[in-house]
Amino acid sequence: MDKSIKLLRTESLLKELLPEALSTLNDESLNNVLVIDVKCSRGKYDAEVFLDPSIYDEKERRYIISHLNKAESYLQNYCKQAEGWYRAPKFRFKFDDSLSHQNSMDKLFKKVESELKKNG
């Protein structure tokens, strides 16, 4: 199903605004968190914010998610003020592990391919 232009625009704006908002926080560990993607619900009441997991271990990930959840109202206010919105979506933060899954699938396919070549 195609997304509306307004929804795509909102997602794009949030991908720009959230890193700006994160850089203004007092927590050093949250300042440099990379936002990979933002997916808004159809009514723009909720937004899933996908973060880059590549440089964090599990303990750091839990810390970042918990502190981002605590800073959610600040992030919402930042977005509302920056764009003049009446309301901002409720953010749900999660780390995007799709790249690591893709890499492991690629390794498996290469292994199968080499086994097929070896067995003729």
Protein backbone atom coordinates (compact mmCIF):
# COMPACT_ATOMS: atom_id res chain seq x y z
CA MET A 1 0.00 0.00 0.00
CA ASP A 2 1.37 3.40 -0.94
CA LYS A 3 2.07 5.92 1.77
CA SER A 4 0.63 9.38 1.50
CA ILE A 5 2.90 12.30 0.69
CA LYS A 6 2.13 13.89 4.07
CA LEU A 7 3.14 10.74 5.91
CA LEU A 8 6.40 10.46 3.95
CA ARG A 9 7.13 14.12 4.60
CA THR A 10 6.52 13.69 8.33
CA GLU A 11 8.86 10.68 8.45
CA SER A 12 11.51 12.62 6.57
CA LEU A 13 11.19 15.60 8.90
CA LEU A 14 11.45 13.38 11.96
CA LYS A 15 14.61 11.74 10.56
CA GLU A 16 16.14 15.22 10.47
CA LEU A 17 14.68 16.60 13.70
CA LEU A 18 15.39 13.69 16.04
CA PRO A 19 19.20 13.74 15.61
CA GLU A 20 19.11 17.51 16.19
CA ALA A 21 17.05 16.99 19.35
CA LEU A 22 19.34 14.20 20.54
CA SER A 23 22.38 16.41 20.13
CA THR A 24 20.88 18.95 22.56
CA LEU A 25 20.49 16.43 25.40
CA ASN A 26 22.88 16.55 28.35
CA ASP A 27 23.64 12.82 28.12
CA GLU A 28 26.82 12.20 26.08
CA SER A 29 25.80 8.63 25.24
CA LEU A 30 22.59 9.85 23.60
CA ASN A 31 24.11 12.76 21.66
CA ASN A 32 25.65 10.60 18.95
CA VAL A 33 22.98 7.93 18.51
CA LEU A 34 22.30 7.50 14.80
CA VAL A 35 18.70 7.49 13.62
CA ILE A 36 18.49 5.14 10.65
CA ASP A 37 14.81 5.41 9.85
CA VAL A 38 11.44 6.58 11.14
CA LYS A 39 8.15 4.85 10.33
CA CYS A 40 4.96 6.68 11.28
CA SER A 41 1.60 5.06 11.77
CA ARG A 42 -1.13 5.99 9.35
CA GLY A 43 -2.61 8.61 11.68
CA LYS A 44 0.83 9.92 12.67
CA TYR A 45 0.07 9.23 16.33
CA ASP A 46 2.94 6.78 16.72
CA ALA A 47 6.39 6.63 15.20
CA GLU A 48 8.90 3.81 15.33
CA VAL A 49 12.41 5.22 15.46
CA PHE A 50 15.07 2.80 14.25
CA LEU A 51 18.56 3.30 15.66
CA ASP A 52 21.96 2.07 14.47
CA PRO A 53 23.11 -0.80 16.71
CA SER A 54 26.55 -1.34 15.20
CA ILE A 55 28.73 0.21 17.91
CA TYR A 56 26.76 -0.73 21.04
CA ASP A 57 26.77 -3.84 23.19
CA GLU A 58 23.60 -5.16 24.85
CA LYS A 59 24.12 -3.22 28.11
CA GLU A 60 24.58 0.06 26.22
CA ARG A 61 21.52 -0.64 24.10
CA ARG A 62 19.33 -1.12 27.18
CA TYR A 63 20.71 2.08 28.70
CA ILE A 64 20.07 4.07 25.51
CA ILE A 65 16.52 2.77 25.04
CA SER A 66 15.57 3.43 28.67
CA HIS A 67 16.98 6.96 28.62
CA LEU A 68 15.41 7.76 25.26
CA ASN A 69 12.05 6.65 26.66
CA LYS A 70 12.60 9.02 29.60
CA ALA A 71 13.47 11.88 27.21
CA GLU A 72 10.50 11.23 24.92
CA SER A 73 8.44 14.23 26.04
CA TYR A 74 11.45 16.53 25.52
CA LEU A 75 11.95 15.08 22.03
CA GLN A 76 8.26 15.53 21.23
CA ASN A 77 8.35 19.16 22.40
CA TYR A 78 11.48 19.81 20.36
CA CYS A 79 9.78 18.49 17.21
CA LYS A 80 6.58 20.45 17.91
CA GLN A 81 8.44 23.70 18.42
CA ALA A 82 10.76 23.24 15.45
CA GLU A 83 7.92 22.59 13.01
CA GLY A 84 5.05 24.48 14.67
CA TRP A 85 3.04 21.31 15.09
CA TYR A 86 0.13 21.04 17.50
CA ARG A 87 1.19 17.54 18.50
CA ALA A 88 4.04 15.15 17.81
CA PRO A 89 3.88 11.38 17.50
CA LYS A 90 4.59 9.06 20.40
CA PHE A 91 8.05 7.63 19.79
CA ARG A 92 8.98 3.97 20.14
CA PHE A 93 12.71 3.46 19.95
CA LYS A 94 14.29 0.24 18.74
CA PHE A 95 17.60 -0.85 17.35
CA ASP A 96 17.52 -1.96 13.72
CA ASP A 97 19.19 -5.36 13.47
CA SER A 98 18.10 -6.00 9.89
CA LEU A 99 21.59 -5.36 8.50
CA SER A 100 23.17 -7.99 10.75
CA HIS A 101 20.42 -10.45 9.80
CA GLN A 102 21.04 -9.72 6.13
CA ASN A 103 24.78 -10.24 6.56
CA SER A 104 24.25 -13.59 8.29
CA MET A 105 21.88 -14.68 5.50
CA ASP A 106 24.49 -13.69 2.91
CA LYS A 107 27.10 -15.79 4.71
CA LEU A 108 24.75 -18.77 4.73
CA PHE A 109 24.07 -18.44 1.01
CA LYS A 110 27.80 -18.23 0.26
CA LYS A 111 28.40 -21.33 2.37
CA VAL A 112 25.65 -23.24 0.52
CA GLU A 113 27.04 -22.06 -2.81
CA SER A 114 30.57 -23.22 -1.94
CA GLU A 115 29.21 -26.60 -0.78
CA LEU A 116 27.31 -27.01 -4.06
CA LYS A 117 30.42 -26.17 -6.08
CA LYS A 118 32.50 -28.57 -3.99
CA ASN A 119 30.04 -31.44 -4.46
CA GLY A 120 29.71 -30.78 -8.16
